[in-house]
Amino acid sequence: MATTAEQACFEAGIKFGSLYHQFAGTPISPHSTRSLEQAMAESIENQPFCTSVTVEIDDEKVADAIDHTNGYTELTGSLMEVTMQIEYEDVVVTTRMEMENGYPLMKLESVTQ
């Protein structure tokens, strides 16, 4: 049987997997970053035990990634920073996504009871 802390970490992993795989590849331009940030955060906050999500998409990186023949690029982990907080019973898990060796890794910042 999983401990409460292990279950809270599992819940955080589910939320990050859902966020990343649901939105990776979404067409994006500097004009749509704010609305996409909000949509991503609000959709994940609907899930059980998720108390906050912050998505920040870097407008300059988006603009640099655009193929100017079509005016947009696809959302990838390299274009955004994400943090989230999960509360499961008496455990609070804080997570973040960061790029490591060109790959978006989801990491635990803290697990507190």
N, C-alpha and C. Protein backbone atom coordinates (compact mmCIF):
# COMPACT_ATOMS: atom_id res chain seq x y z
N MET A 1 0.84 -1.17 0.00
CA MET A 1 0.00 0.00 0.00
C MET A 1 0.89 1.25 0.00
N ALA A 2 0.54 2.22 -0.80
CA ALA A 2 1.31 3.46 -0.89
C ALA A 2 1.08 4.33 0.33
N THR A 3 2.13 5.04 0.73
CA THR A 3 1.98 6.01 1.81
C THR A 3 1.22 7.22 1.27
N THR A 4 0.78 8.07 2.17
CA THR A 4 0.08 9.29 1.76
C THR A 4 0.99 10.17 0.92
N ALA A 5 2.26 10.29 1.30
CA ALA A 5 3.21 11.10 0.53
C ALA A 5 3.44 10.50 -0.86
N GLU A 6 3.55 9.18 -0.94
CA GLU A 6 3.73 8.54 -2.24
C GLU A 6 2.51 8.76 -3.13
N GLN A 7 1.32 8.67 -2.55
CA GLN A 7 0.10 8.88 -3.33
C GLN A 7 0.02 10.34 -3.81
N ALA A 8 0.44 11.28 -2.97
CA ALA A 8 0.44 12.69 -3.37
C ALA A 8 1.40 12.92 -4.53
N CYS A 9 2.56 12.30 -4.49
CA CYS A 9 3.53 12.41 -5.58
C CYS A 9 2.99 11.76 -6.85
N PHE A 10 2.32 10.64 -6.72
CA PHE A 10 1.69 10.00 -7.86
C PHE A 10 0.67 10.93 -8.50
N GLU A 11 -0.15 11.57 -7.67
CA GLU A 11 -1.15 12.51 -8.18
C GLU A 11 -0.48 13.65 -8.94
N ALA A 12 0.64 14.14 -8.44
CA ALA A 12 1.38 15.21 -9.14
C ALA A 12 1.85 14.71 -10.51
N GLY A 13 2.36 13.50 -10.57
CA GLY A 13 2.82 12.94 -11.83
C GLY A 13 1.69 12.80 -12.84
N ILE A 14 0.52 12.39 -12.38
CA ILE A 14 -0.64 12.27 -13.26
C ILE A 14 -1.00 13.63 -13.84
N LYS A 15 -0.98 14.66 -13.00
CA LYS A 15 -1.34 16.00 -13.46
C LYS A 15 -0.34 16.51 -14.50
N PHE A 16 0.96 16.31 -14.24
CA PHE A 16 1.97 16.77 -15.18
C PHE A 16 1.88 16.01 -16.51
N GLY A 17 1.68 14.71 -16.44
CA GLY A 17 1.55 13.93 -17.66
C GLY A 17 0.35 14.39 -18.48
N SER A 18 -0.73 14.66 -17.80
CA SER A 18 -1.93 15.15 -18.47
C SER A 18 -1.68 16.50 -19.11
N LEU A 19 -1.08 17.40 -18.37
CA LEU A 19 -0.81 18.74 -18.89
C LEU A 19 0.09 18.67 -20.12
N TYR A 20 1.19 17.98 -20.00
CA TYR A 20 2.16 17.99 -21.09
C TYR A 20 1.63 17.29 -22.33
N HIS A 21 1.08 16.12 -22.16
CA HIS A 21 0.69 15.34 -23.33
C HIS A 21 -0.62 15.81 -23.95
N GLN A 22 -1.41 16.53 -23.19
CA GLN A 22 -2.63 17.10 -23.74
C GLN A 22 -2.31 18.32 -24.61
N PHE A 23 -1.30 19.11 -24.23
CA PHE A 23 -1.07 20.39 -24.90
C PHE A 23 0.17 20.43 -25.79
N ALA A 24 1.11 19.51 -25.64
CA ALA A 24 2.28 19.50 -26.52
C ALA A 24 1.82 19.36 -27.96
N GLY A 25 2.36 20.19 -28.82
CA GLY A 25 1.98 20.18 -30.22
C GLY A 25 0.90 21.17 -30.58
N THR A 26 0.33 21.84 -29.58
CA THR A 26 -0.71 22.84 -29.85
C THR A 26 -0.11 23.99 -30.67
N PRO A 27 -0.76 24.41 -31.74
CA PRO A 27 -0.27 25.56 -32.48
C PRO A 27 -0.29 26.81 -31.59
N ILE A 28 0.80 27.59 -31.63
CA ILE A 28 0.90 28.76 -30.76
C ILE A 28 1.66 29.87 -31.46
N SER A 29 1.27 31.09 -31.16
CA SER A 29 1.98 32.28 -31.63
C SER A 29 2.05 33.24 -30.44
N PRO A 30 2.84 34.29 -30.53
CA PRO A 30 2.90 35.25 -29.41
C PRO A 30 1.53 35.85 -29.08
N HIS A 31 0.60 35.85 -30.01
CA HIS A 31 -0.73 36.41 -29.76
C HIS A 31 -1.63 35.48 -28.95
N SER A 32 -1.28 34.21 -28.88
CA SER A 32 -2.14 33.25 -28.19
C SER A 32 -1.54 32.70 -26.90
N THR A 33 -0.37 33.18 -26.50
CA THR A 33 0.29 32.58 -25.34
C THR A 33 -0.51 32.75 -24.05
N ARG A 34 -1.03 33.95 -23.78
CA ARG A 34 -1.74 34.17 -22.52
C ARG A 34 -2.99 33.30 -22.42
N SER A 35 -3.75 33.22 -23.52
CA SER A 35 -4.98 32.42 -23.46
C SER A 35 -4.66 30.94 -23.32
N LEU A 36 -3.58 30.47 -23.94
CA LEU A 36 -3.20 29.07 -23.81
C LEU A 36 -2.71 28.78 -22.39
N GLU A 37 -1.92 29.70 -21.82
CA GLU A 37 -1.48 29.53 -20.42
C GLU A 37 -2.69 29.34 -19.51
N GLN A 38 -3.67 30.20 -19.66
CA GLN A 38 -4.86 30.15 -18.81
C GLN A 38 -5.64 28.85 -19.03
N ALA A 39 -5.82 28.47 -20.28
CA ALA A 39 -6.55 27.24 -20.57
C ALA A 39 -5.85 26.02 -19.98
N MET A 40 -4.53 25.98 -20.10
CA MET A 40 -3.77 24.85 -19.56
C MET A 40 -3.92 24.77 -18.04
N ALA A 41 -3.70 25.90 -17.39
CA ALA A 41 -3.79 25.93 -15.92
C ALA A 41 -5.19 25.55 -15.45
N GLU A 42 -6.20 26.14 -16.04
CA GLU A 42 -7.56 25.87 -15.59
C GLU A 42 -7.98 24.43 -15.85
N SER A 43 -7.53 23.85 -16.94
CA SER A 43 -7.93 22.46 -17.21
C SER A 43 -7.32 21.50 -16.19
N ILE A 44 -6.07 21.73 -15.82
CA ILE A 44 -5.42 20.84 -14.86
C ILE A 44 -5.94 21.09 -13.44
N GLU A 45 -6.26 22.34 -13.11
CA GLU A 45 -6.81 22.64 -11.79
C GLU A 45 -8.16 21.98 -11.55
N ASN A 46 -8.83 21.56 -12.62
CA ASN A 46 -10.10 20.83 -12.48
C ASN A 46 -9.90 19.44 -11.88
N GLN A 47 -8.71 18.91 -11.98
CA GLN A 47 -8.46 17.54 -11.52
C GLN A 47 -8.40 17.48 -9.99
N PRO A 48 -8.78 16.33 -9.44
CA PRO A 48 -8.77 16.17 -7.98
C PRO A 48 -7.39 16.45 -7.38
N PHE A 49 -7.39 17.08 -6.23
CA PHE A 49 -6.21 17.33 -5.39
C PHE A 49 -5.28 18.42 -5.92
N CYS A 50 -5.56 19.00 -7.07
CA CYS A 50 -4.71 20.04 -7.64
C CYS A 50 -5.19 21.39 -7.11
N THR A 51 -4.32 22.08 -6.39
CA THR A 51 -4.72 23.36 -5.80
C THR A 51 -4.23 24.56 -6.58
N SER A 52 -3.15 24.42 -7.35
CA SER A 52 -2.71 25.54 -8.18
C SER A 52 -1.80 25.05 -9.29
N VAL A 53 -1.89 25.75 -10.41
CA VAL A 53 -1.05 25.50 -11.57
C VAL A 53 -0.66 26.85 -12.14
N THR A 54 0.62 27.01 -12.44
CA THR A 54 1.10 28.21 -13.11
C THR A 54 1.81 27.77 -14.39
N VAL A 55 1.36 28.32 -15.51
CA VAL A 55 1.98 28.05 -16.80
C VAL A 55 2.47 29.39 -17.34
N GLU A 56 3.75 29.46 -17.67
CA GLU A 56 4.31 30.67 -18.26
C GLU A 56 4.98 30.29 -19.57
N ILE A 57 4.42 30.80 -20.67
CA ILE A 57 4.97 30.54 -22.00
C ILE A 57 5.81 31.75 -22.39
N ASP A 58 7.03 31.50 -22.82
CA ASP A 58 7.98 32.56 -23.15
C ASP A 58 7.71 33.10 -24.55
N ASP A 59 7.18 34.33 -24.62
CA ASP A 59 6.83 34.94 -25.90
C ASP A 59 8.02 35.04 -26.85
N GLU A 60 9.18 35.39 -26.33
CA GLU A 60 10.36 35.53 -27.20
C GLU A 60 10.77 34.19 -27.79
N LYS A 61 10.74 33.14 -26.97
CA LYS A 61 11.08 31.81 -27.49
C LYS A 61 10.06 31.35 -28.52
N VAL A 62 8.79 31.66 -28.28
CA VAL A 62 7.75 31.31 -29.25
C VAL A 62 8.02 32.03 -30.56
N ALA A 63 8.27 33.33 -30.49
CA ALA A 63 8.52 34.12 -31.71
C ALA A 63 9.74 33.58 -32.46
N ASP A 64 10.79 33.21 -31.74
CA ASP A 64 12.00 32.69 -32.37
C ASP A 64 11.76 31.33 -33.04
N ALA A 65 10.80 30.56 -32.52
CA ALA A 65 10.54 29.22 -33.05
C ALA A 65 9.58 29.22 -34.24
N ILE A 66 8.99 30.36 -34.54
CA ILE A 66 7.97 30.42 -35.60
C ILE A 66 8.61 30.31 -36.97
N ASP A 67 8.00 29.44 -37.77
CA ASP A 67 8.32 29.36 -39.19
C ASP A 67 7.48 30.45 -39.84
N HIS A 68 8.10 31.50 -40.29
CA HIS A 68 7.37 32.68 -40.73
C HIS A 68 6.51 32.47 -41.96
N THR A 69 6.56 31.30 -42.57
CA THR A 69 5.66 31.05 -43.69
C THR A 69 4.26 30.69 -43.22
N ASN A 70 4.15 30.22 -41.97
CA ASN A 70 2.82 29.86 -41.46
C ASN A 70 2.40 30.66 -40.23
N GLY A 71 3.30 31.39 -39.60
CA GLY A 71 2.93 32.29 -38.51
C GLY A 71 2.74 31.68 -37.13
N TYR A 72 3.05 30.41 -36.97
CA TYR A 72 2.93 29.79 -35.65
C TYR A 72 3.97 28.70 -35.49
N THR A 73 4.09 28.21 -34.27
CA THR A 73 4.94 27.06 -33.99
C THR A 73 4.14 26.10 -33.13
N GLU A 74 4.72 24.97 -32.78
CA GLU A 74 4.06 24.01 -31.90
C GLU A 74 4.60 24.16 -30.49
N LEU A 75 3.71 24.07 -29.52
CA LEU A 75 4.11 24.18 -28.12
C LEU A 75 4.96 22.97 -27.73
N THR A 76 6.11 23.26 -27.12
CA THR A 76 6.99 22.22 -26.57
C THR A 76 7.41 22.64 -25.17
N GLY A 77 8.00 21.73 -24.46
CA GLY A 77 8.47 22.02 -23.11
C GLY A 77 9.51 23.12 -23.05
N SER A 78 10.26 23.28 -24.12
CA SER A 78 11.30 24.31 -24.12
C SER A 78 10.74 25.73 -24.17
N LEU A 79 9.46 25.86 -24.45
CA LEU A 79 8.84 27.18 -24.57
C LEU A 79 8.10 27.62 -23.30
N MET A 80 8.06 26.76 -22.28
CA MET A 80 7.24 27.09 -21.11
C MET A 80 7.87 26.64 -19.81
N GLU A 81 7.41 27.29 -18.74
CA GLU A 81 7.73 26.89 -17.38
C GLU A 81 6.41 26.60 -16.68
N VAL A 82 6.39 25.50 -15.93
CA VAL A 82 5.17 25.09 -15.26
C VAL A 82 5.49 24.74 -13.82
N THR A 83 4.65 25.20 -12.90
CA THR A 83 4.70 24.76 -11.51
C THR A 83 3.29 24.35 -11.11
N MET A 84 3.21 23.43 -10.18
CA MET A 84 1.90 23.08 -9.65
C MET A 84 2.01 22.58 -8.22
N GLN A 85 0.87 22.70 -7.54
CA GLN A 85 0.80 22.26 -6.15
C GLN A 85 -0.37 21.28 -6.02
N ILE A 86 -0.08 20.17 -5.36
CA ILE A 86 -1.06 19.12 -5.12
C ILE A 86 -1.21 18.97 -3.61
N GLU A 87 -2.46 18.88 -3.15
CA GLU A 87 -2.72 18.61 -1.74
C GLU A 87 -3.52 17.32 -1.65
N TYR A 88 -2.91 16.32 -1.04
CA TYR A 88 -3.55 15.02 -0.87
C TYR A 88 -3.53 14.69 0.62
N GLU A 89 -4.71 14.65 1.20
CA GLU A 89 -4.85 14.48 2.65
C GLU A 89 -4.00 15.54 3.36
N ASP A 90 -2.99 15.14 4.14
CA ASP A 90 -2.19 16.13 4.87
C ASP A 90 -0.85 16.42 4.21
N VAL A 91 -0.68 16.03 2.95
CA VAL A 91 0.58 16.20 2.24
C VAL A 91 0.42 17.25 1.13
N VAL A 92 1.39 18.15 1.05
CA VAL A 92 1.43 19.16 -0.01
C VAL A 92 2.67 18.89 -0.86
N VAL A 93 2.46 18.72 -2.15
CA VAL A 93 3.55 18.46 -3.09
C VAL A 93 3.66 19.65 -4.03
N THR A 94 4.86 20.18 -4.16
CA THR A 94 5.13 21.27 -5.08
C THR A 94 6.06 20.73 -6.16
N THR A 95 5.69 20.98 -7.42
CA THR A 95 6.45 20.45 -8.55
C THR A 95 6.76 21.55 -9.55
N ARG A 96 7.69 21.26 -10.44
CA ARG A 96 8.00 22.19 -11.52
C ARG A 96 8.52 21.39 -12.71
N MET A 97 8.45 22.02 -13.87
CA MET A 97 9.02 21.42 -15.06
C MET A 97 10.20 22.27 -15.48
N GLU A 98 11.30 21.62 -15.81
CA GLU A 98 12.47 22.34 -16.33
C GLU A 98 13.14 21.50 -17.40
N MET A 99 13.81 22.18 -18.28
CA MET A 99 14.52 21.49 -19.35
C MET A 99 15.85 20.97 -18.81
N GLU A 100 16.16 19.74 -19.16
CA GLU A 100 17.44 19.15 -18.79
C GLU A 100 17.94 18.34 -19.99
N ASN A 101 19.08 18.75 -20.52
CA ASN A 101 19.64 18.10 -21.70
C ASN A 101 18.64 18.04 -22.85
N GLY A 102 17.90 19.13 -23.03
CA GLY A 102 16.95 19.22 -24.13
C GLY A 102 15.64 18.48 -23.93
N TYR A 103 15.40 18.01 -22.71
CA TYR A 103 14.19 17.23 -22.43
C TYR A 103 13.43 17.86 -21.28
N PRO A 104 12.09 17.99 -21.38
CA PRO A 104 11.32 18.59 -20.28
C PRO A 104 11.13 17.58 -19.15
N LEU A 105 11.76 17.83 -18.02
CA LEU A 105 11.63 16.94 -16.86
C LEU A 105 10.72 17.56 -15.81
N MET A 106 9.84 16.74 -15.27
CA MET A 106 8.98 17.16 -14.19
C MET A 106 9.67 16.76 -12.89
N LYS A 107 9.81 17.73 -11.99
CA LYS A 107 10.59 17.48 -10.77
C LYS A 107 9.79 17.84 -9.52
N LEU A 108 10.07 17.12 -8.45
CA LEU A 108 9.51 17.46 -7.15
C LEU A 108 10.35 18.58 -6.53
N GLU A 109 9.70 19.65 -6.15
CA GLU A 109 10.37 20.73 -5.42
C GLU A 109 10.35 20.43 -3.93
N SER A 110 9.16 20.00 -3.45
CA SER A 110 9.05 19.70 -2.02
C SER A 110 7.85 18.79 -1.77
N VAL A 111 7.95 18.04 -0.69
CA VAL A 111 6.87 17.21 -0.20
C VAL A 111 6.79 17.48 1.30
N THR A 112 5.70 18.09 1.74
CA THR A 112 5.59 18.47 3.15
C THR A 112 4.29 17.92 3.76
N GLN A 113 4.39 17.65 5.06
CA GLN A 113 3.21 17.17 5.79
C GLN A 113 2.89 18.12 6.91
